[in-house]
Amino acid sequence: MFINLTKMRFTIFILFLLAIDIYSFQAVRHLAQNWSLMTRNIVYGFFWALTAFSLFYLFAHFWGLADGWSKNMETYTRTFVFIIYISKFLILPLLLIDDLRRLTLWVGQRVNGGPAEFDISRSRFLSKMGIFFGAIPFFSLSYGIIRNPYRYQLFKESVGIKGLSPNLVGLKIVQISDIHSGSFTFKDPVKNAIELINAQKPDLVFFTGDLVNDHSDEMTDFMDIFDKIDAKYGVYSVLGNHDYGDYHRWENAEAKDANLEKLKGIHKKLGWNLLMNEHRMLDINNEKVAVIGVENYSALPQFPKMGRLADAHSGSDGANVKLLLSHDPSHWDLQIVPEFKDINLTFSGHTHGFQFGIEIPGWIKWSPAQFMYKQWAGLYQQGEQFLYVNRGLGFLGYPGRVGILPEVTVIELQSA
């Protein structure tokens, strides 16, 4: 019974996709009707070849034929199928508008007793517009996979801290976040990020969570890369929501706990100081700097609230500057700003900038991430407190980026 129900659902899903294919093909036919026979056949063949490729992938998965595929083959094939159908899906609204237009004209002409006549040029125009809108995600998302997943960008900010000691002016902090090592499709390009980090000659390096997607083993092939990060006063890290393994179905609670303990050990092997609701008081140029780190704490209900900022903050009195690592930026408005006024600068990540958006410095900064997070990328200020949200070093789900590139952040402290 279960197998038959699964087959039925799969069949319905395939029929739904075929309906999208057939309907969106009408736009191609409208557009190509005056083209030469050879050109039309090439375009039609390409359209249906994409459909055949997509169905092959879906059937291969359903029948277990894709079980032996490599990680990269699976990742890129799955993503390409997604791109194909999101592109076709965006064609549909324009076709629907045209069909409703023609239906309205037909009904009106029948009621008035006149002949059914349609303006074919309008149908061709709407078809062109539909294909144009469909082409945007097809080419932009494809470009984002080919060009951008390892195209690391350096973002620099100076942050003015009130009362900062002259001995700490110019303190250089490099932040990275959201490595998601389980998503990497290639190893060598990741080395470029480490070279970029070390080239800044940082005093401190902060990593603000999501080292893996689910499994601690995802870091195995990348240990010899990330252990090369060098900072004068050390590397400090915290956990993100993915690090707890909550998105994987484990055999039992013990297996999940063992995975987390192994991940904590990986931070230690990397030479990183993992802060679990605690702080470190550093002596830098004869001044005390409190580096505070909390576990994941989010204002959104779907993410865990593991952080205990009161515990981490306790004992940090006397520090000239207090720096907080907290993975989720929603923590800032929820607890940090209202309750911990002496935390000067918070470092977060988590949003990835949605891996999609438009950013032209000084002109526009937009991403779907802003509909979920008030602070989603870059530097923010409330009163005398600052928050920096890193756009992430890696990627998750979609193996690329469009507009919002992977980031290495450099922040220098200045006196306000």
Protein backbone atom coordinates (compact mmCIF):
# COMPACT_ATOMS: atom_id res chain seq x y z
CA MET A 1 0.00 0.00 0.00
CA PHE A 2 2.80 2.41 0.94
CA ILE A 3 4.71 1.63 -2.27
CA ASN A 4 1.62 2.16 -4.42
CA LEU A 5 0.89 5.47 -2.69
CA THR A 6 4.47 6.60 -3.28
CA LYS A 7 4.24 5.65 -6.95
CA MET A 8 0.96 7.50 -7.28
CA ARG A 9 2.42 10.66 -5.74
CA PHE A 10 5.45 10.43 -8.00
CA THR A 11 3.21 9.98 -11.06
CA ILE A 12 1.11 13.02 -10.11
CA PHE A 13 4.29 15.06 -9.63
CA ILE A 14 5.61 14.03 -13.06
CA LEU A 15 2.29 14.88 -14.70
CA PHE A 16 2.35 18.28 -13.00
CA LEU A 17 5.83 18.98 -14.39
CA LEU A 18 4.79 17.84 -17.86
CA ALA A 19 1.83 20.20 -17.69
CA ILE A 20 4.27 23.05 -16.97
CA ASP A 21 6.40 21.92 -19.91
CA ILE A 22 3.51 21.75 -22.35
CA TYR A 23 2.01 25.05 -21.27
CA SER A 24 5.31 26.97 -21.24
CA PHE A 25 6.14 25.51 -24.67
CA GLN A 26 3.30 27.61 -26.07
CA ALA A 27 5.44 30.70 -25.50
CA VAL A 28 8.26 29.15 -27.51
CA ARG A 29 5.88 28.26 -30.35
CA HIS A 30 4.45 31.80 -30.45
CA LEU A 31 7.91 33.30 -30.48
CA ALA A 32 9.33 31.00 -33.15
CA GLN A 33 6.38 30.79 -35.54
CA ASN A 34 8.01 33.07 -38.15
CA TRP A 35 11.49 31.59 -37.83
CA SER A 36 13.01 29.22 -40.36
CA LEU A 37 12.18 25.53 -40.05
CA MET A 38 15.76 24.64 -39.07
CA THR A 39 15.88 27.31 -36.35
CA ARG A 40 12.51 26.24 -34.97
CA ASN A 41 13.59 22.61 -34.84
CA ILE A 42 16.80 23.52 -32.99
CA VAL A 43 14.92 25.63 -30.43
CA TYR A 44 12.16 23.02 -29.99
CA GLY A 45 14.76 20.28 -29.63
CA PHE A 46 16.65 22.23 -26.97
CA PHE A 47 13.44 22.88 -25.02
CA TRP A 48 12.39 19.24 -24.95
CA ALA A 49 15.96 18.06 -24.33
CA LEU A 50 15.86 20.00 -21.07
CA THR A 51 12.60 18.28 -20.21
CA ALA A 52 14.05 14.85 -21.03
CA PHE A 53 17.13 15.60 -18.91
CA SER A 54 14.94 16.62 -15.96
CA LEU A 55 12.72 13.57 -16.18
CA PHE A 56 15.74 11.30 -16.45
CA TYR A 57 17.09 12.75 -13.21
CA LEU A 58 13.76 12.35 -11.40
CA PHE A 59 13.25 8.77 -12.57
CA ALA A 60 16.85 7.90 -11.73
CA HIS A 61 16.29 9.11 -8.19
CA PHE A 62 12.93 7.43 -7.79
CA TRP A 63 14.22 4.03 -8.90
CA GLY A 64 17.53 4.30 -7.03
CA LEU A 65 19.64 4.52 -10.19
CA ALA A 66 21.38 7.67 -8.91
CA ASP A 67 22.63 6.10 -5.67
CA GLY A 68 26.13 5.66 -7.08
CA TRP A 69 26.46 9.18 -8.42
CA SER A 70 29.26 11.36 -7.08
CA LYS A 71 28.41 14.21 -4.73
CA ASN A 72 29.21 16.83 -7.37
CA MET A 73 27.18 15.12 -10.08
CA GLU A 74 24.19 14.87 -7.75
CA THR A 75 24.51 18.48 -6.58
CA TYR A 76 24.83 20.06 -10.01
CA THR A 77 22.21 17.86 -11.68
CA ARG A 78 19.66 18.55 -8.95
CA THR A 79 20.35 22.28 -9.12
CA PHE A 80 20.14 22.41 -12.90
CA VAL A 81 16.76 20.66 -12.85
CA PHE A 82 15.56 23.19 -10.29
CA ILE A 83 16.76 26.07 -12.48
CA ILE A 84 15.01 24.60 -15.53
CA TYR A 85 11.64 24.43 -13.82
CA ILE A 86 11.83 27.72 -11.93
CA SER A 87 12.56 29.34 -15.30
CA LYS A 88 9.63 27.62 -17.01
CA PHE A 89 7.36 28.41 -14.10
CA LEU A 90 8.02 32.15 -14.50
CA ILE A 91 6.81 31.97 -18.10
CA LEU A 92 3.36 30.78 -17.02
CA PRO A 93 1.85 34.04 -15.63
CA LEU A 94 2.34 35.86 -18.95
CA LEU A 95 0.78 32.97 -20.87
CA LEU A 96 -2.11 32.90 -18.44
CA ILE A 97 -2.67 36.63 -18.93
CA ASP A 98 -2.73 36.10 -22.70
CA ASP A 99 -5.17 33.18 -22.44
CA LEU A 100 -7.47 35.15 -20.17
CA ARG A 101 -7.27 38.10 -22.57
CA ARG A 102 -8.23 35.92 -25.53
CA LEU A 103 -10.99 34.18 -23.56
CA THR A 104 -12.48 37.53 -22.57
CA LEU A 105 -12.37 38.73 -26.18
CA TRP A 106 -13.91 35.48 -27.42
CA VAL A 107 -16.77 35.64 -24.93
CA GLY A 108 -17.39 39.31 -25.73
CA GLN A 109 -17.40 38.69 -29.48
CA ARG A 110 -19.71 35.68 -29.14
CA VAL A 111 -22.16 37.68 -27.02
CA ASN A 112 -22.16 40.49 -29.58
CA GLY A 113 -22.54 38.02 -32.43
CA GLY A 114 -19.32 39.06 -34.15
CA PRO A 115 -16.51 36.83 -35.46
CA ALA A 116 -13.81 35.71 -33.05
CA GLU A 117 -10.72 37.77 -33.94
CA PHE A 118 -7.51 38.02 -31.91
CA ASP A 119 -4.49 40.30 -32.10
CA ILE A 120 -1.69 37.79 -32.66
CA SER A 121 0.96 40.48 -32.12
CA ARG A 122 -0.12 40.86 -28.49
CA SER A 123 0.19 37.12 -27.94
CA ARG A 124 3.69 37.19 -29.40
CA PHE A 125 4.60 40.15 -27.19
CA LEU A 126 3.40 38.39 -24.04
CA SER A 127 5.23 35.24 -25.11
CA LYS A 128 8.43 37.25 -25.55
CA MET A 129 7.97 38.80 -22.13
CA GLY A 130 7.36 35.37 -20.60
CA ILE A 131 10.53 33.95 -22.13
CA PHE A 132 12.44 37.05 -21.02
CA PHE A 133 11.34 36.59 -17.40
CA GLY A 134 12.11 32.88 -17.59
CA ALA A 135 15.55 33.55 -19.04
CA ILE A 136 16.56 35.77 -16.10
CA PRO A 137 16.77 32.97 -13.49
CA PHE A 138 18.05 30.47 -16.07
CA PHE A 139 21.12 32.50 -16.98
CA SER A 140 21.70 34.30 -13.66
CA LEU A 141 21.48 31.16 -11.54
CA SER A 142 23.63 29.22 -13.99
CA TYR A 143 26.21 32.03 -13.94
CA GLY A 144 26.09 32.07 -10.15
CA ILE A 145 27.11 28.40 -10.07
CA ILE A 146 29.87 28.69 -12.65
CA ARG A 147 31.44 31.96 -11.54
CA ASN A 148 30.61 32.89 -7.96
CA PRO A 149 30.73 30.12 -5.30
CA TYR A 150 34.45 30.65 -4.58
CA ARG A 151 34.73 34.29 -5.64
CA TYR A 152 35.69 35.61 -2.22
CA GLN A 153 35.22 39.31 -1.59
CA LEU A 154 36.97 41.40 1.05
CA PHE A 155 34.73 43.80 2.97
CA LYS A 156 36.41 46.41 5.18
CA GLU A 157 34.84 48.52 7.92
CA SER A 158 36.15 50.89 10.59
CA VAL A 159 34.06 50.90 13.76
CA GLY A 160 34.28 53.78 16.21
CA ILE A 161 34.03 52.55 19.81
CA LYS A 162 33.29 55.14 22.50
CA GLY A 163 35.96 55.12 25.21
CA LEU A 164 38.29 52.84 23.27
CA SER A 165 41.81 52.94 24.66
CA PRO A 166 44.46 54.39 22.34
CA ASN A 167 46.31 51.09 22.84
CA LEU A 168 43.50 49.30 20.98
CA VAL A 169 43.04 51.75 18.12
CA GLY A 170 43.69 49.89 14.87
CA LEU A 171 42.98 46.44 16.35
CA LYS A 172 42.26 44.34 13.28
CA ILE A 173 39.60 41.64 13.38
CA VAL A 174 38.84 39.27 10.51
CA GLN A 175 35.44 37.59 10.55
CA ILE A 176 34.27 34.58 8.57
CA SER A 177 31.00 32.73 8.93
CA ASP A 178 28.86 29.91 7.55
CA ILE A 179 31.55 27.72 6.02
CA HIS A 180 29.11 24.83 5.41
CA SER A 181 31.93 22.48 4.47
CA GLY A 182 29.46 19.76 3.47
CA SER A 183 28.36 21.90 0.53
CA PHE A 184 31.79 22.50 -1.00
CA THR A 185 32.09 20.87 -4.41
CA PHE A 186 35.81 21.60 -4.82
CA LYS A 187 38.67 21.83 -2.36
CA ASP A 188 41.45 23.85 -3.98
CA PRO A 189 39.46 27.10 -4.46
CA VAL A 190 38.78 27.21 -0.71
CA LYS A 191 42.50 27.75 -0.13
CA ASN A 192 42.12 31.18 -1.72
CA ALA A 193 39.92 32.25 1.19
CA ILE A 194 42.56 31.26 3.74
CA GLU A 195 45.24 33.13 1.79
CA LEU A 196 42.99 36.20 1.74
CA ILE A 197 42.44 35.96 5.51
CA ASN A 198 46.11 35.59 6.36
CA ALA A 199 47.11 38.37 3.97
CA GLN A 200 45.26 40.81 6.24
CA LYS A 201 47.64 39.96 9.14
CA PRO A 202 44.75 39.96 11.61
CA ASP A 203 45.08 40.42 15.35
CA LEU A 204 41.97 38.28 15.89
CA VAL A 205 39.92 35.95 13.69
CA PHE A 206 36.28 35.25 14.55
CA PHE A 207 34.22 32.41 13.09
CA THR A 208 30.51 32.86 13.75
CA GLY A 209 29.03 29.42 13.23
CA ASP A 210 27.79 26.75 10.81
CA LEU A 211 31.03 24.90 10.20
CA VAL A 212 29.08 21.97 8.66
CA ASN A 213 25.64 21.22 7.27
CA ASP A 214 24.89 18.28 9.56
CA HIS A 215 27.77 15.84 9.99
CA SER A 216 31.09 16.56 11.68
CA ASP A 217 32.71 14.30 9.06
CA GLU A 218 32.00 16.96 6.45
CA MET A 219 35.10 18.78 7.72
CA THR A 220 37.46 15.83 7.22
CA ASP A 221 38.76 16.89 3.80
CA PHE A 222 39.13 20.53 4.83
CA MET A 223 41.00 20.28 8.11
CA ASP A 224 44.35 20.86 6.42
CA ILE A 225 43.01 24.07 4.89
CA PHE A 226 41.27 25.79 7.78
CA ASP A 227 43.98 24.93 10.29
CA LYS A 228 46.21 27.35 8.35
CA ILE A 229 44.31 30.41 9.57
CA ASP A 230 46.70 32.54 11.60
CA ALA A 231 45.94 35.42 13.97
CA LYS A 232 48.22 37.18 16.45
CA TYR A 233 45.87 36.71 19.42
CA GLY A 234 44.04 33.60 18.24
CA VAL A 235 40.99 32.31 16.40
CA TYR A 236 37.67 32.26 18.28
CA SER A 237 34.51 30.45 17.20
CA VAL A 238 30.91 29.65 18.10
CA LEU A 239 28.29 27.18 16.92
CA GLY A 240 25.51 27.89 14.43
CA ASN A 241 22.12 26.25 14.02
CA HIS A 242 23.43 23.67 11.52
CA ASP A 243 26.23 22.53 13.81
CA TYR A 244 23.81 20.78 16.19
CA GLY A 245 22.76 18.27 13.52
CA ASP A 246 19.08 19.14 13.88
CA TYR A 247 18.39 18.76 10.16
CA HIS A 248 19.46 15.12 9.96
CA ARG A 249 17.51 12.06 11.06
CA TRP A 250 19.86 10.29 13.46
CA GLU A 251 19.58 6.67 14.59
CA ASN A 252 19.23 7.84 18.18
CA ALA A 253 19.95 10.76 20.49
CA GLU A 254 23.32 9.29 21.42
CA ALA A 255 24.50 9.41 17.78
CA LYS A 256 23.48 13.04 17.50
CA ASP A 257 25.27 13.94 20.74
CA ALA A 258 28.40 12.08 19.61
CA ASN A 259 28.39 14.04 16.35
CA LEU A 260 28.27 17.33 18.24
CA GLU A 261 31.08 16.29 20.57
CA LYS A 262 33.20 15.33 17.58
CA LEU A 263 32.51 18.71 16.01
CA LYS A 264 33.65 20.47 19.17
CA GLY A 265 36.85 18.45 18.95
CA ILE A 266 37.35 19.59 15.38
CA HIS A 267 37.37 23.21 16.50
CA LYS A 268 40.11 22.29 18.96
CA LYS A 269 42.13 20.41 16.32
CA LEU A 270 41.91 23.44 14.06
CA GLY A 271 43.45 25.50 16.84
CA TRP A 272 40.26 27.49 17.33
CA ASN A 273 38.91 28.56 20.73
CA LEU A 274 35.29 27.40 20.72
CA LEU A 275 33.20 29.56 23.05
CA MET A 276 30.21 27.76 24.53
CA ASN A 277 28.35 30.48 26.44
CA GLU A 278 31.60 31.79 27.88
CA HIS A 279 34.21 34.46 27.35
CA ARG A 280 37.94 34.92 27.18
CA MET A 281 39.63 37.96 28.67
CA LEU A 282 42.58 38.86 26.46
CA ASP A 283 45.48 41.11 27.32
CA ILE A 284 46.22 43.16 24.21
CA ASN A 285 48.71 46.02 24.48
CA ASN A 286 48.13 46.14 28.25
CA GLU A 287 44.37 46.49 27.81
CA LYS A 288 41.65 43.96 28.55
CA VAL A 289 39.54 42.78 25.61
CA ALA A 290 36.57 40.50 26.33
CA VAL A 291 35.76 38.05 23.55
CA ILE A 292 32.33 36.65 24.37
CA GLY A 293 30.75 33.71 22.56
CA VAL A 294 27.26 32.23 22.80
CA GLU A 295 25.62 29.21 21.28
CA ASN A 296 22.91 29.75 18.68
CA TYR A 297 20.13 32.08 19.86
CA SER A 298 17.42 33.25 17.47
CA ALA A 299 14.31 35.38 17.62
CA LEU A 300 12.70 33.08 15.04
CA PRO A 301 10.87 30.03 16.43
CA GLN A 302 12.27 27.56 13.88
CA PHE A 303 15.83 28.03 15.13
CA PRO A 304 17.25 26.94 18.49
CA LYS A 305 17.72 29.15 21.53
CA MET A 306 20.79 27.52 23.06
CA GLY A 307 22.67 30.68 23.95
CA ARG A 308 23.04 31.88 27.53
CA LEU A 309 24.39 35.37 27.16
CA ALA A 310 24.13 36.18 30.85
CA ASP A 311 26.48 33.29 31.65
CA ALA A 312 28.88 34.21 28.86
CA HIS A 313 28.90 37.87 29.84
CA SER A 314 29.36 37.29 33.56
CA GLY A 315 32.87 38.20 34.72
CA SER A 316 33.69 40.42 31.75
CA ASP A 317 33.60 43.60 33.82
CA GLY A 318 36.75 45.63 33.52
CA ALA A 319 37.26 45.01 29.82
CA ASN A 320 37.94 48.14 27.77
CA VAL A 321 35.98 46.67 24.86
CA LYS A 322 33.52 43.77 24.67
CA LEU A 323 33.18 41.79 21.44
CA LEU A 324 30.39 39.23 21.06
CA LEU A 325 30.14 36.28 18.65
CA SER A 326 26.51 35.22 18.11
CA HIS A 327 25.53 33.31 14.99
CA ASP A 328 22.00 34.64 14.41
CA PRO A 329 21.67 38.44 13.93
CA SER A 330 18.10 38.45 15.27
CA HIS A 331 19.68 37.92 18.70
CA TRP A 332 20.88 41.54 18.60
CA ASP A 333 17.46 43.22 18.75
CA LEU A 334 15.95 40.49 20.89
CA GLN A 335 18.39 40.51 23.80
CA ILE A 336 21.75 42.20 23.21
CA VAL A 337 20.63 45.80 22.65
CA PRO A 338 17.88 45.80 25.30
CA GLU A 339 19.80 44.00 28.06
CA PHE A 340 23.55 44.23 27.45
CA LYS A 341 24.37 47.84 26.68
CA ASP A 342 28.09 47.36 27.37
CA ILE A 343 28.62 44.96 24.46
CA ASN A 344 30.27 47.23 21.93
CA LEU A 345 30.33 45.11 18.80
CA THR A 346 28.47 41.91 17.86
CA PHE A 347 29.54 39.59 15.03
CA SER A 348 26.90 37.43 13.32
CA GLY A 349 26.28 35.48 10.13
CA HIS A 350 23.52 32.97 9.34
CA THR A 351 21.63 34.83 6.58
CA HIS A 352 24.14 34.21 3.72
CA GLY A 353 22.56 37.35 2.27
CA PHE A 354 20.21 34.68 0.87
CA GLN A 355 23.03 34.01 -1.66
CA PHE A 356 20.93 36.12 -4.00
CA GLY A 357 20.39 39.83 -4.39
CA ILE A 358 21.67 43.08 -5.81
CA GLU A 359 24.46 45.04 -4.18
CA ILE A 360 25.96 48.20 -5.63
CA PRO A 361 27.79 50.11 -2.86
CA GLY A 362 26.26 53.52 -2.34
CA TRP A 363 23.35 52.76 -4.65
CA ILE A 364 21.35 49.67 -3.82
CA LYS A 365 21.42 46.77 -1.39
CA TRP A 366 18.57 44.30 -1.77
CA SER A 367 17.99 40.64 -1.05
CA PRO A 368 15.01 38.44 -0.13
CA ALA A 369 16.86 37.99 3.18
CA GLN A 370 15.58 41.40 4.26
CA PHE A 371 12.03 40.05 4.45
CA MET A 372 13.13 37.69 7.24
CA TYR A 373 15.90 39.66 8.93
CA LYS A 374 16.04 43.34 9.80
CA GLN A 375 19.84 43.09 9.82
CA TRP A 376 20.98 40.74 7.08
CA ALA A 377 24.36 41.92 5.69
CA GLY A 378 26.95 44.51 6.62
CA LEU A 379 27.30 46.98 9.49
CA TYR A 380 24.42 48.23 11.67
CA GLN A 381 24.30 50.60 14.62
CA GLN A 382 21.92 51.36 17.47
CA GLY A 383 23.13 54.02 19.85
CA GLU A 384 26.70 53.15 20.77
CA GLN A 385 26.36 49.47 19.85
CA PHE A 386 27.31 47.87 16.53
CA LEU A 387 26.42 44.67 14.71
CA TYR A 388 28.20 43.22 11.72
CA VAL A 389 26.43 40.49 9.70
CA ASN A 390 28.80 38.46 7.52
CA ARG A 391 27.43 37.22 4.18
CA GLY A 392 29.03 33.80 4.67
CA LEU A 393 32.07 32.05 3.26
CA GLY A 394 30.31 28.98 1.87
CA PHE A 395 26.89 28.15 0.48
CA LEU A 396 23.93 25.93 1.29
CA GLY A 397 21.39 24.28 -0.99
CA TYR A 398 22.06 26.26 -4.15
CA PRO A 399 25.79 25.72 -4.98
CA GLY A 400 26.44 29.27 -6.04
CA ARG A 401 25.70 32.93 -5.45
CA VAL A 402 24.05 35.67 -7.47
CA GLY A 403 24.84 39.26 -6.52
CA ILE A 404 25.72 38.43 -2.90
CA LEU A 405 29.25 37.02 -2.98
CA PRO A 406 31.13 34.99 -0.32
CA GLU A 407 32.76 37.24 2.23
CA VAL A 408 35.85 37.77 4.31
CA THR A 409 35.37 40.75 6.63
CA VAL A 410 38.04 43.04 8.07
CA ILE A 411 37.03 45.33 10.91
CA GLU A 412 39.40 47.82 12.48
CA LEU A 413 38.54 49.39 15.81
CA GLN A 414 38.78 53.14 16.10
CA SER A 415 38.00 55.60 18.87
CA ALA A 416 34.65 57.33 18.51
